[in-house]
Amino acid sequence: LWVTTHGEFDHMDPHRSKLVINEGIEMTFNDLRKIPTPAEDRRLLVLDACDSGAEPIYGGLSSLGFGPLLASSNQAVICYRWPVEQFASAVFNVLLALGLRTRSFYGAYEFAVITVIQGKQTTIQQLAEVLGQDHDLVGRIQDNESIRWNTLAFWGSAAFLE
């Protein structure tokens, strides 16, 4: 299950946090609690939304966050601990999708993070192998000089929760 939307996490009052699905349509923690998780099989939920992995107590044990609330033994969650740029999120998500073709949920997450950590050229190489050197995304990465590949802010936001 892959959800790409806008996330708003309220650190001072986490119960007011929401995923903005569309103008006027929002999902709160209470709404998300109503979505059933698989009873037998394990599902991956990708919350491609800013702050979807944030919690009010950093390093603490808290389920007051979208990712922490939804992670369980039957549902792994990949989410973002803080706001991320749209292009960075798109690059990560494409790498994650490529990884899911041949790897476990965690293996795909690890592949995406490790690829991005290794920098621009490694990311281009991995994507070009599958998508082709002339693919639009490969070209956009090659032409983009604003990505700060070596910063935690770029590659460190994605979290794997289970």
Protein backbone atom coordinates (compact mmCIF):
# COMPACT_ATOMS: atom_id res chain seq x y z
CA LEU A 1 0.00 0.00 0.00
CA TRP A 2 1.62 3.28 -1.11
CA VAL A 3 0.28 6.65 0.06
CA THR A 4 1.78 9.84 -1.35
CA THR A 5 0.34 12.94 0.25
CA HIS A 6 1.08 15.93 2.48
CA GLY A 7 1.74 15.24 6.14
CA GLU A 8 1.41 17.72 9.00
CA PHE A 9 2.75 16.57 12.35
CA ASP A 10 2.01 18.80 15.32
CA HIS A 11 4.87 18.29 17.79
CA MET A 12 3.13 20.29 20.53
CA ASP A 13 -0.21 18.51 20.17
CA PRO A 14 0.33 15.24 18.24
CA HIS A 15 -3.39 14.38 18.26
CA ARG A 16 -3.94 17.30 15.86
CA SER A 17 -1.56 15.79 13.30
CA LYS A 18 -3.02 14.82 9.94
CA LEU A 19 -2.40 13.56 6.46
CA VAL A 20 -3.90 15.93 3.91
CA ILE A 21 -5.28 13.69 1.18
CA ASN A 22 -6.90 16.42 -0.89
CA GLU A 23 -8.20 19.91 -0.28
CA GLY A 24 -10.74 19.46 2.50
CA ILE A 25 -10.00 15.75 2.95
CA GLU A 26 -7.76 14.85 5.87
CA MET A 27 -6.95 11.72 7.83
CA THR A 28 -6.23 11.93 11.53
CA PHE A 29 -4.79 9.29 13.86
CA ASN A 30 -8.35 8.17 14.64
CA ASP A 31 -9.13 7.74 10.93
CA LEU A 32 -5.96 5.74 10.36
CA ARG A 33 -6.68 3.43 13.31
CA LYS A 34 -9.83 2.28 11.48
CA ILE A 35 -7.92 0.90 8.48
CA PRO A 36 -7.63 -2.86 8.98
CA THR A 37 -4.24 -4.53 8.77
CA PRO A 38 -3.88 -7.96 7.20
CA ALA A 39 -4.78 -10.81 9.53
CA GLU A 40 -2.28 -13.31 8.14
CA ASP A 41 0.04 -11.92 5.48
CA ARG A 42 2.47 -9.11 6.07
CA ARG A 43 1.88 -5.85 4.21
CA LEU A 44 4.16 -2.92 3.47
CA LEU A 45 2.71 0.55 3.93
CA VAL A 46 4.77 3.35 2.39
CA LEU A 47 3.74 6.71 3.85
CA ASP A 48 5.32 9.10 1.38
CA ALA A 49 4.43 12.17 3.41
CA CYS A 50 6.49 14.69 5.35
CA ASP A 51 6.72 13.94 9.07
CA SER A 52 4.92 10.60 8.62
CA GLY A 53 7.56 8.98 10.83
CA ALA A 54 7.85 11.81 13.34
CA GLU A 55 6.97 11.27 16.98
CA PRO A 56 6.70 13.81 19.79
CA ILE A 57 9.40 12.09 21.86
CA TYR A 58 12.57 11.64 19.83
CA GLY A 59 14.31 8.42 20.74
CA GLY A 60 11.46 7.49 23.05
CA LEU A 61 8.88 4.76 22.86
CA SER A 62 5.81 6.40 21.45
CA SER A 63 3.01 5.39 19.13
CA LEU A 64 1.98 9.04 18.63
CA GLY A 65 3.07 9.29 15.03
CA PHE A 66 1.64 8.04 11.75
CA GLY A 67 4.33 5.44 11.11
CA PRO A 68 4.65 4.26 14.73
CA LEU A 69 0.86 4.05 15.06
CA LEU A 70 0.48 1.90 11.94
CA ALA A 71 3.49 -0.41 12.30
CA SER A 72 2.74 -3.88 13.62
CA SER A 73 3.76 -7.50 13.23
CA ASN A 74 1.49 -7.67 10.17
CA GLN A 75 2.42 -4.31 8.67
CA ALA A 76 5.83 -2.80 8.07
CA VAL A 77 5.87 0.96 7.49
CA ILE A 78 8.34 3.10 5.58
CA CYS A 79 7.89 6.78 6.38
CA TYR A 80 9.77 10.07 6.78
CA ARG A 81 10.97 11.41 10.14
CA TRP A 82 10.96 15.04 8.95
CA PRO A 83 9.93 17.12 5.91
CA VAL A 84 11.64 16.09 2.69
CA GLU A 85 11.95 17.73 -0.69
CA GLN A 86 9.64 16.32 -3.36
CA PHE A 87 12.45 15.41 -5.74
CA ALA A 88 14.45 13.65 -3.01
CA SER A 89 11.33 11.72 -2.05
CA ALA A 90 10.72 10.75 -5.69
CA VAL A 91 14.29 9.46 -6.09
CA PHE A 92 14.03 7.43 -2.89
CA ASN A 93 10.62 6.02 -3.86
CA VAL A 94 11.78 4.91 -7.31
CA LEU A 95 14.79 3.18 -5.75
CA LEU A 96 12.50 1.58 -3.16
CA ALA A 97 10.17 0.33 -5.89
CA LEU A 98 13.11 -1.10 -7.82
CA GLY A 99 14.36 -2.81 -4.69
CA LEU A 100 10.94 -4.33 -3.99
CA ARG A 101 11.12 -6.22 -7.28
CA THR A 102 13.75 -8.61 -5.89
CA ARG A 103 14.16 -7.94 -2.17
CA SER A 104 12.27 -8.15 1.10
CA PHE A 105 10.58 -5.05 2.47
CA TYR A 106 13.58 -4.20 4.64
CA GLY A 107 16.03 -5.23 1.92
CA ALA A 108 14.39 -2.81 -0.52
CA TYR A 109 14.49 -0.02 2.08
CA GLU A 110 18.15 -0.74 2.77
CA PHE A 111 18.94 -0.79 -0.98
CA ALA A 112 17.30 2.62 -1.48
CA VAL A 113 19.04 4.25 1.49
CA ILE A 114 22.46 2.77 0.69
CA THR A 115 22.19 3.80 -2.95
CA VAL A 116 21.35 7.40 -2.07
CA ILE A 117 24.09 7.54 0.58
CA GLN A 118 26.62 6.50 -2.05
CA GLY A 119 25.79 9.66 -3.97
CA LYS A 120 24.70 11.00 -7.29
CA GLN A 121 26.77 8.77 -9.60
CA THR A 122 25.78 5.53 -7.86
CA THR A 123 22.13 6.57 -7.91
CA ILE A 124 22.32 7.40 -11.61
CA GLN A 125 24.04 4.08 -12.32
CA GLN A 126 21.43 2.03 -10.42
CA LEU A 127 18.52 3.82 -12.10
CA ALA A 128 20.07 3.77 -15.58
CA GLU A 129 20.60 -0.01 -15.36
CA VAL A 130 16.86 -0.54 -15.03
CA LEU A 131 15.25 2.53 -16.58
CA GLY A 132 17.83 3.28 -19.28
CA GLN A 133 20.33 6.11 -19.58
CA ASP A 134 17.82 8.26 -21.51
CA HIS A 135 15.04 8.04 -18.90
CA ASP A 136 13.69 11.40 -17.72
CA LEU A 137 14.49 10.72 -14.05
CA VAL A 138 18.11 9.84 -14.86
CA GLY A 139 18.46 13.06 -16.84
CA ARG A 140 16.86 15.14 -14.09
CA ILE A 141 19.29 13.75 -11.53
CA GLN A 142 22.24 14.41 -13.83
CA ASP A 143 21.11 18.01 -14.38
CA ASN A 144 20.25 18.71 -10.73
CA GLU A 145 22.96 20.55 -8.82
CA SER A 146 20.86 21.47 -5.78
CA ILE A 147 20.70 18.04 -4.14
CA ARG A 148 23.01 17.80 -1.14
CA TRP A 149 23.76 14.08 -1.44
CA ASN A 150 26.10 13.92 1.54
CA THR A 151 23.74 15.45 4.09
CA LEU A 152 21.64 13.63 6.63
CA ALA A 153 18.74 15.92 5.69
CA PHE A 154 18.67 14.35 2.22
CA TRP A 155 19.13 10.64 2.88
CA GLY A 156 18.37 10.20 6.58
CA SER A 157 14.68 10.95 6.85
CA ALA A 158 13.36 7.59 5.65
CA ALA A 159 12.57 5.17 8.47
CA PHE A 160 11.61 1.48 8.45
CA LEU A 161 9.23 0.53 11.25
CA GLU A 162 7.79 -2.84 12.14
